[in-house]
N, C-alpha and C. Protein backbone atom coordinates (compact mmCIF):
# COMPACT_ATOMS: atom_id res chain seq x y z
N MET A 1 18.29 -0.98 10.70
CA MET A 1 17.71 0.03 10.16
C MET A 1 16.77 0.82 11.12
N GLU A 2 17.11 2.10 11.22
CA GLU A 2 16.31 3.20 12.13
C GLU A 2 14.84 2.92 11.97
N LYS A 3 14.35 2.80 12.78
CA LYS A 3 12.91 2.77 13.01
C LYS A 3 12.23 4.14 12.31
N THR A 4 11.44 4.13 11.66
CA THR A 4 10.95 5.43 11.04
C THR A 4 9.40 5.43 11.40
N ASN A 5 9.05 6.80 11.76
CA ASN A 5 7.83 6.96 12.07
C ASN A 5 7.02 7.00 10.39
N PHE A 6 5.99 5.95 10.56
CA PHE A 6 5.16 5.72 9.35
C PHE A 6 4.62 6.66 8.72
N GLU A 7 4.24 7.82 9.39
CA GLU A 7 3.56 9.21 8.70
C GLU A 7 4.62 9.85 7.54
N ASN A 8 5.75 9.54 8.09
CA ASN A 8 7.03 10.05 7.24
C ASN A 8 7.16 9.33 5.83
N LEU A 9 6.79 8.22 5.77
CA LEU A 9 6.98 7.41 4.79
C LEU A 9 6.60 7.57 3.45
N GLU A 10 6.99 7.67 2.40
CA GLU A 10 6.52 8.14 1.04
C GLU A 10 5.51 6.94 0.85
N ILE A 11 5.68 5.77 0.81
CA ILE A 11 4.66 4.76 0.61
C ILE A 11 3.37 4.84 1.46
N TYR A 12 3.47 5.36 2.49
CA TYR A 12 2.37 5.68 3.21
C TYR A 12 1.77 6.75 2.75
N LYS A 13 2.19 7.61 2.71
CA LYS A 13 1.63 9.07 2.16
C LYS A 13 0.82 8.67 0.57
N LEU A 14 1.51 8.12 -0.17
CA LEU A 14 0.80 7.65 -1.20
C LEU A 14 -0.32 6.88 -1.00
N SER A 15 -0.03 5.99 -0.14
CA SER A 15 -1.23 5.29 -0.04
C SER A 15 -2.51 5.66 0.53
N GLU A 16 -2.03 6.78 1.57
CA GLU A 16 -3.05 7.87 2.07
C GLU A 16 -4.05 8.32 0.70
N ASN A 17 -2.96 8.97 -0.17
CA ASN A 17 -3.68 9.90 -1.24
C ASN A 17 -4.81 8.94 -2.10
N LEU A 18 -4.27 7.56 -2.16
CA LEU A 18 -4.78 6.66 -3.23
C LEU A 18 -6.29 6.42 -2.48
N ALA A 19 -6.21 6.25 -1.26
CA ALA A 19 -7.37 5.92 -0.46
C ALA A 19 -8.49 7.19 -0.49
N VAL A 20 -7.94 8.10 -0.36
CA VAL A 20 -8.85 9.36 -0.76
C VAL A 20 -9.45 9.35 -1.94
N ASP A 21 -8.51 9.11 -2.77
CA ASP A 21 -9.16 9.26 -4.09
C ASP A 21 -10.14 8.26 -4.23
N VAL A 22 -9.96 7.09 -3.94
CA VAL A 22 -10.74 5.93 -4.09
C VAL A 22 -11.96 6.32 -3.29
N TRP A 23 -12.20 6.93 -1.89
CA TRP A 23 -13.35 7.10 -1.32
C TRP A 23 -14.08 8.43 -2.34
N ASN A 24 -13.28 9.38 -2.76
CA ASN A 24 -14.13 10.48 -3.59
C ASN A 24 -14.95 9.69 -4.54
N ILE A 25 -14.19 8.84 -5.46
CA ILE A 25 -14.97 8.16 -6.58
C ILE A 25 -16.05 7.58 -6.03
N VAL A 26 -15.97 6.72 -5.10
CA VAL A 26 -17.07 5.78 -4.63
C VAL A 26 -18.38 6.76 -4.05
N LEU A 27 -18.11 7.77 -3.63
CA LEU A 27 -19.17 8.35 -3.13
C LEU A 27 -20.16 8.97 -4.07
N GLU A 28 -19.49 9.03 -5.28
CA GLU A 28 -20.41 9.48 -6.52
C GLU A 28 -21.14 8.18 -6.83
N TRP A 29 -21.05 7.06 -6.65
CA TRP A 29 -21.72 6.05 -7.25
C TRP A 29 -23.08 5.69 -6.41
N ASN A 30 -23.91 4.94 -6.75
CA ASN A 30 -25.41 4.81 -6.25
C ASN A 30 -25.18 3.85 -5.32
N SER A 31 -26.35 3.54 -4.53
CA SER A 31 -26.38 2.68 -3.31
C SER A 31 -25.89 1.26 -3.73
N LEU A 32 -26.25 0.64 -4.72
CA LEU A 32 -25.96 -0.71 -5.24
C LEU A 32 -24.62 -0.91 -5.28
N GLU A 33 -24.03 0.02 -6.23
CA GLU A 33 -22.61 0.08 -6.35
C GLU A 33 -21.88 0.28 -5.38
N GLN A 34 -22.11 1.11 -4.19
CA GLN A 34 -21.47 1.45 -3.31
C GLN A 34 -21.22 0.20 -2.16
N ASP A 35 -22.36 -0.49 -2.17
CA ASP A 35 -22.63 -1.48 -1.14
C ASP A 35 -21.87 -2.79 -1.74
N THR A 36 -21.75 -3.10 -3.09
CA THR A 36 -20.88 -4.12 -3.59
C THR A 36 -19.44 -3.83 -4.13
N VAL A 37 -19.20 -3.38 -5.13
CA VAL A 37 -17.79 -2.86 -5.49
C VAL A 37 -17.37 -1.77 -4.76
N GLY A 38 -17.76 -1.05 -4.30
CA GLY A 38 -17.44 0.25 -3.69
C GLY A 38 -17.00 0.08 -2.20
N LYS A 39 -17.65 -0.68 -1.38
CA LYS A 39 -16.89 -0.99 0.21
C LYS A 39 -16.02 -1.64 -0.06
N GLN A 40 -15.85 -2.75 -1.03
CA GLN A 40 -14.65 -3.53 -0.99
C GLN A 40 -13.45 -2.94 -1.43
N LEU A 41 -13.57 -2.02 -2.46
CA LEU A 41 -12.72 -1.23 -2.93
C LEU A 41 -12.29 -0.02 -1.85
N ILE A 42 -13.02 0.49 -0.97
CA ILE A 42 -12.40 1.42 0.03
C ILE A 42 -11.82 0.52 1.26
N ARG A 43 -12.19 -0.67 1.60
CA ARG A 43 -11.65 -1.24 2.53
C ARG A 43 -10.11 -1.58 2.22
N SER A 44 -9.92 -2.21 0.97
CA SER A 44 -8.71 -2.54 0.38
C SER A 44 -7.81 -1.35 0.06
N ALA A 45 -8.19 -0.50 -0.31
CA ALA A 45 -7.32 0.68 -0.34
C ALA A 45 -7.08 1.35 0.89
N ASP A 46 -7.96 1.41 1.95
CA ASP A 46 -7.46 1.77 3.38
C ASP A 46 -6.80 0.69 4.10
N SER A 47 -6.60 -0.46 3.78
CA SER A 47 -5.95 -1.48 4.27
C SER A 47 -4.71 -1.06 4.09
N ILE A 48 -4.19 -0.53 2.97
CA ILE A 48 -2.62 -0.37 2.47
C ILE A 48 -1.93 0.16 3.47
N GLY A 49 -2.42 1.30 3.53
CA GLY A 49 -1.83 2.42 4.85
C GLY A 49 -2.08 1.92 6.15
N ALA A 50 -3.20 1.04 6.71
CA ALA A 50 -3.12 0.60 7.65
C ALA A 50 -2.35 -0.32 8.11
N ASN A 51 -2.05 -1.25 7.27
CA ASN A 51 -0.87 -2.41 7.45
C ASN A 51 0.74 -1.87 7.67
N ILE A 52 0.67 -0.71 6.79
CA ILE A 52 2.03 -0.07 6.88
C ILE A 52 2.19 0.51 8.47
N ALA A 53 1.12 1.21 8.58
CA ALA A 53 1.21 1.92 10.04
C ALA A 53 1.31 0.84 11.17
N GLU A 54 0.58 -0.16 11.11
CA GLU A 54 0.61 -1.54 12.30
C GLU A 54 1.82 -1.94 11.98
N GLY A 55 2.39 -2.50 10.82
CA GLY A 55 4.01 -3.25 10.79
C GLY A 55 4.76 -2.25 11.56
N SER A 56 4.93 -0.82 11.46
CA SER A 56 5.84 -0.15 11.89
C SER A 56 5.59 -0.17 13.55
N GLY A 57 4.84 -0.54 13.94
CA GLY A 57 4.72 -0.16 15.45
C GLY A 57 5.10 -1.79 16.20
N ARG A 58 5.51 -2.99 15.27
CA ARG A 58 5.44 -4.12 15.66
C ARG A 58 6.89 -4.44 16.25
N GLY A 59 7.90 -3.52 16.08
CA GLY A 59 9.11 -3.73 16.69
C GLY A 59 10.09 -4.59 16.09
N THR A 60 9.70 -5.44 15.56
CA THR A 60 11.00 -6.27 14.73
C THR A 60 10.85 -6.39 13.47
N ASP A 61 11.90 -6.46 12.62
CA ASP A 61 12.02 -6.22 11.14
C ASP A 61 11.39 -7.48 10.26
N PRO A 62 11.25 -8.89 10.97
CA PRO A 62 10.44 -9.58 10.28
C PRO A 62 8.98 -9.49 10.29
N ASP A 63 8.62 -8.99 11.56
CA ASP A 63 7.11 -8.72 11.44
C ASP A 63 6.87 -7.34 10.71
N TYR A 64 7.73 -6.40 10.71
CA TYR A 64 7.21 -5.18 9.58
C TYR A 64 7.37 -5.78 8.50
N ARG A 65 8.13 -6.74 7.91
CA ARG A 65 8.18 -6.99 6.74
C ARG A 65 7.28 -7.72 6.28
N SER A 66 6.29 -8.52 7.40
CA SER A 66 5.33 -9.35 7.18
C SER A 66 4.07 -8.63 6.95
N PHE A 67 3.97 -7.46 7.66
CA PHE A 67 2.85 -6.53 7.51
C PHE A 67 2.74 -5.70 6.05
N LEU A 68 4.25 -5.58 5.74
CA LEU A 68 4.47 -4.98 4.43
C LEU A 68 3.81 -5.74 3.28
N LYS A 69 4.00 -6.86 3.52
CA LYS A 69 3.57 -7.82 2.52
C LYS A 69 2.15 -7.98 2.58
N ILE A 70 1.63 -7.76 3.85
CA ILE A 70 -0.06 -7.78 3.73
C ILE A 70 -0.31 -6.35 3.21
N ALA A 71 0.36 -5.37 3.41
CA ALA A 71 -0.18 -4.22 2.64
C ALA A 71 -0.07 -4.25 1.06
N ARG A 72 1.06 -4.97 0.57
CA ARG A 72 1.06 -5.35 -0.64
C ARG A 72 0.04 -6.19 -1.37
N GLY A 73 -0.45 -7.22 -0.54
CA GLY A 73 -1.79 -7.65 -0.90
C GLY A 73 -2.97 -7.15 -0.88
N SER A 74 -3.18 -5.92 -0.18
CA SER A 74 -4.18 -5.17 -0.25
C SER A 74 -4.14 -4.21 -1.31
N LEU A 75 -2.68 -3.93 -1.78
CA LEU A 75 -2.76 -2.94 -2.99
C LEU A 75 -2.98 -4.01 -4.26
N TYR A 76 -2.80 -5.20 -4.27
CA TYR A 76 -3.22 -6.17 -5.24
C TYR A 76 -4.87 -6.18 -5.28
N GLU A 77 -5.49 -6.25 -3.99
CA GLU A 77 -6.75 -6.53 -4.11
C GLU A 77 -7.70 -5.29 -4.47
N THR A 78 -6.89 -3.87 -4.14
CA THR A 78 -7.48 -2.76 -4.47
C THR A 78 -7.37 -2.99 -6.48
N ARG A 79 -6.25 -3.18 -6.80
CA ARG A 79 -6.14 -3.15 -8.19
C ARG A 79 -7.27 -4.15 -8.89
N HIS A 80 -7.62 -5.28 -8.26
CA HIS A 80 -8.49 -6.15 -8.64
C HIS A 80 -10.03 -5.44 -8.66
N TRP A 81 -10.36 -4.56 -7.39
CA TRP A 81 -11.78 -3.92 -7.48
C TRP A 81 -11.92 -2.84 -8.46
N LEU A 82 -10.70 -2.16 -8.66
CA LEU A 82 -10.87 -1.12 -9.54
C LEU A 82 -11.07 -1.71 -10.87
N ARG A 83 -10.27 -3.07 -11.38
CA ARG A 83 -10.61 -3.61 -12.75
C ARG A 83 -12.07 -3.74 -12.71
N ARG A 84 -12.62 -4.76 -11.74
CA ARG A 84 -14.03 -4.80 -11.69
C ARG A 84 -14.84 -3.64 -11.95
N ALA A 85 -14.38 -2.48 -11.35
CA ALA A 85 -15.39 -1.33 -11.23
C ALA A 85 -15.15 -0.72 -12.76
N PHE A 86 -13.89 -1.11 -13.35
CA PHE A 86 -13.87 -0.22 -14.66
C PHE A 86 -14.88 -1.16 -15.79
N LYS A 87 -14.76 -2.58 -15.54
CA LYS A 87 -15.47 -3.21 -16.25
C LYS A 87 -16.99 -3.17 -16.21
N ARG A 88 -17.35 -3.06 -15.10
CA ARG A 88 -18.71 -2.63 -15.15
C ARG A 88 -19.32 -1.15 -15.16
N LYS A 89 -18.34 -0.24 -15.90
CA LYS A 89 -18.54 1.00 -16.25
C LYS A 89 -18.82 1.98 -15.09
N LEU A 90 -18.19 1.57 -13.90
CA LEU A 90 -18.38 2.46 -12.73
C LEU A 90 -17.19 3.44 -12.70
N LEU A 91 -15.83 3.27 -13.62
CA LEU A 91 -14.96 4.29 -13.61
C LEU A 91 -14.46 4.69 -14.76
N SER A 92 -14.20 6.04 -15.18
CA SER A 92 -14.03 6.20 -16.50
C SER A 92 -12.53 6.04 -16.77
N GLU A 93 -12.16 6.03 -18.00
CA GLU A 93 -10.67 5.96 -18.59
C GLU A 93 -9.94 6.97 -17.97
N ILE A 94 -10.48 8.27 -17.83
CA ILE A 94 -9.69 9.35 -17.08
C ILE A 94 -9.34 8.81 -15.55
N GLN A 95 -10.38 8.53 -14.92
CA GLN A 95 -10.20 8.15 -13.67
C GLN A 95 -9.12 6.74 -13.58
N ILE A 96 -9.11 5.84 -14.27
CA ILE A 96 -8.38 4.88 -14.61
C ILE A 96 -7.01 5.84 -14.57
N ALA A 97 -6.80 6.49 -15.76
CA ALA A 97 -5.59 6.98 -15.84
C ALA A 97 -4.90 8.06 -14.75
N THR A 98 -5.98 8.52 -13.90
CA THR A 98 -5.48 9.32 -13.00
C THR A 98 -4.90 8.42 -11.75
N LEU A 99 -5.64 6.84 -11.53
CA LEU A 99 -5.32 6.47 -10.34
C LEU A 99 -4.20 5.57 -10.70
N THR A 100 -3.85 5.04 -11.73
CA THR A 100 -3.06 4.13 -12.21
C THR A 100 -1.38 4.68 -11.84
N PRO A 101 -0.83 5.68 -11.94
CA PRO A 101 0.68 6.19 -11.73
C PRO A 101 1.02 6.22 -10.23
N THR A 102 -0.33 6.39 -9.32
CA THR A 102 -0.06 5.99 -7.94
C THR A 102 0.00 4.96 -7.51
N ILE A 103 -1.06 4.09 -8.07
CA ILE A 103 -0.60 2.71 -7.87
C ILE A 103 0.70 1.74 -8.49
N LYS A 104 1.19 2.22 -9.49
CA LYS A 104 2.48 1.87 -10.09
C LYS A 104 3.58 2.29 -9.01
N MET A 105 3.69 3.61 -8.49
CA MET A 105 4.50 4.27 -7.69
C MET A 105 4.62 3.28 -6.52
N ILE A 106 3.36 3.26 -6.01
CA ILE A 106 3.13 2.12 -4.35
C ILE A 106 3.89 1.21 -4.73
N THR A 107 3.57 0.17 -5.65
CA THR A 107 3.82 -0.98 -5.90
C THR A 107 5.46 -1.05 -6.09
N ARG A 108 5.98 -0.12 -6.87
CA ARG A 108 7.25 -0.26 -7.02
C ARG A 108 8.25 0.23 -5.74
N LYS A 109 7.67 1.16 -5.21
CA LYS A 109 8.43 1.59 -3.83
C LYS A 109 8.07 0.55 -2.81
N LEU A 110 6.96 0.06 -2.54
CA LEU A 110 6.71 -0.92 -1.38
C LEU A 110 7.58 -2.05 -1.56
N ASN A 111 7.63 -2.62 -2.84
CA ASN A 111 8.46 -3.96 -3.11
C ASN A 111 9.99 -3.60 -2.62
N ALA A 112 10.50 -2.37 -3.03
CA ALA A 112 11.86 -1.75 -2.64
C ALA A 112 11.88 -1.73 -1.46
N TYR A 113 10.95 -1.24 -0.46
CA TYR A 113 11.06 -1.29 0.79
C TYR A 113 11.08 -2.36 1.63
N ILE A 114 10.21 -3.34 1.15
CA ILE A 114 10.32 -4.66 1.77
C ILE A 114 11.49 -5.21 1.49
N ARG A 115 12.02 -5.04 0.55
CA ARG A 115 13.67 -5.95 0.33
C ARG A 115 14.41 -5.29 1.26
N ALA A 116 14.65 -3.82 1.52
CA ALA A 116 15.27 -3.19 2.14
C ALA A 116 15.16 -3.38 3.71
N ILE A 117 13.94 -3.72 4.25
CA ILE A 117 14.11 -3.96 5.83
C ILE A 117 14.80 -4.88 6.12
N GLY A 118 15.57 -4.59 7.11
CA GLY A 118 16.64 -5.34 7.68
C GLY A 118 17.83 -5.30 7.03
N THR A 119 18.03 -5.11 5.85
CA THR A 119 19.44 -5.19 5.09
C THR A 119 20.60 -3.95 5.89
N TYR A 120 20.03 -3.12 6.74
CA TYR A 120 21.09 -2.13 6.97
C TYR A 120 21.71 -2.99 8.47
N GLU A 121 20.93 -3.57 9.18
CA GLU A 121 21.67 -4.33 10.39
C GLU A 121 22.44 -5.14 9.65
N ARG A 122 21.92 -6.11 8.94
CA ARG A 122 22.87 -7.46 8.39
C ARG A 122 24.17 -6.81 7.66
N LYS A 123 24.19 -5.61 7.31
CA LYS A 123 25.62 -4.97 6.68
C LYS A 123 26.32 -4.65 7.89
N LEU A 124 25.70 -3.74 9.03
CA LEU A 124 26.43 -3.46 10.23
C LEU A 124 26.94 -4.63 10.79
N ARG A 125 26.33 -5.99 10.91
CA ARG A 125 26.75 -6.98 11.76
C ARG A 125 27.80 -7.62 10.91
N THR A 126 27.76 -7.70 9.36
CA THR A 126 28.89 -7.99 8.47
C THR A 126 29.98 -7.30 8.69
N ASP A 127 29.94 -6.20 8.43
CA ASP A 127 31.07 -5.26 8.68
C ASP A 127 31.90 -5.08 9.69
N SER A 128 31.07 -5.28 10.99
CA SER A 128 31.65 -5.29 12.43
C SER A 128 32.58 -6.90 12.71
N GLN A 129 32.37 -7.76 12.03
CA GLN A 129 33.20 -9.24 11.87
C GLN A 129 34.55 -8.77 11.93
N PRO A 130 35.20 -9.62 12.69
CA PRO A 130 36.87 -9.46 12.54
C PRO A 130 37.06 -10.21 11.04
N LYS A 131 38.05 -9.59 10.48
CA LYS A 131 38.34 -9.95 9.30
C LYS A 131 39.73 -11.26 9.45
N ILE A 132 39.42 -12.35 8.97
CA ILE A 132 40.31 -13.38 9.17
C ILE A 132 41.19 -13.64 7.93
């Protein structure tokens, strides 16, 4: 698979948008809410894109796939903190309805991308083997 600049990846752009949306929401909370749920939520949302970026620079497909799986873990952690925030009445139904499509899209695309990493080289190696 040709190495892709992470900034051009749709999953990276979506994760950036999610992180900005989370940041803007948390800015409106009071200091207790920001210091508890808010900081955790921001860190986990920021970590999604950070791990996509770091993994893209590692140079090998297994390393890249590993960092993408860490990004997926951060995505799930973000979902956890969003649930905590909603249950504590820090998020409105409208905010959840706004964030949910992005989270679902990242989840679907990130899982597909993880499965795809390395498959192009394997196919090339298989296709170039002599037929017996």
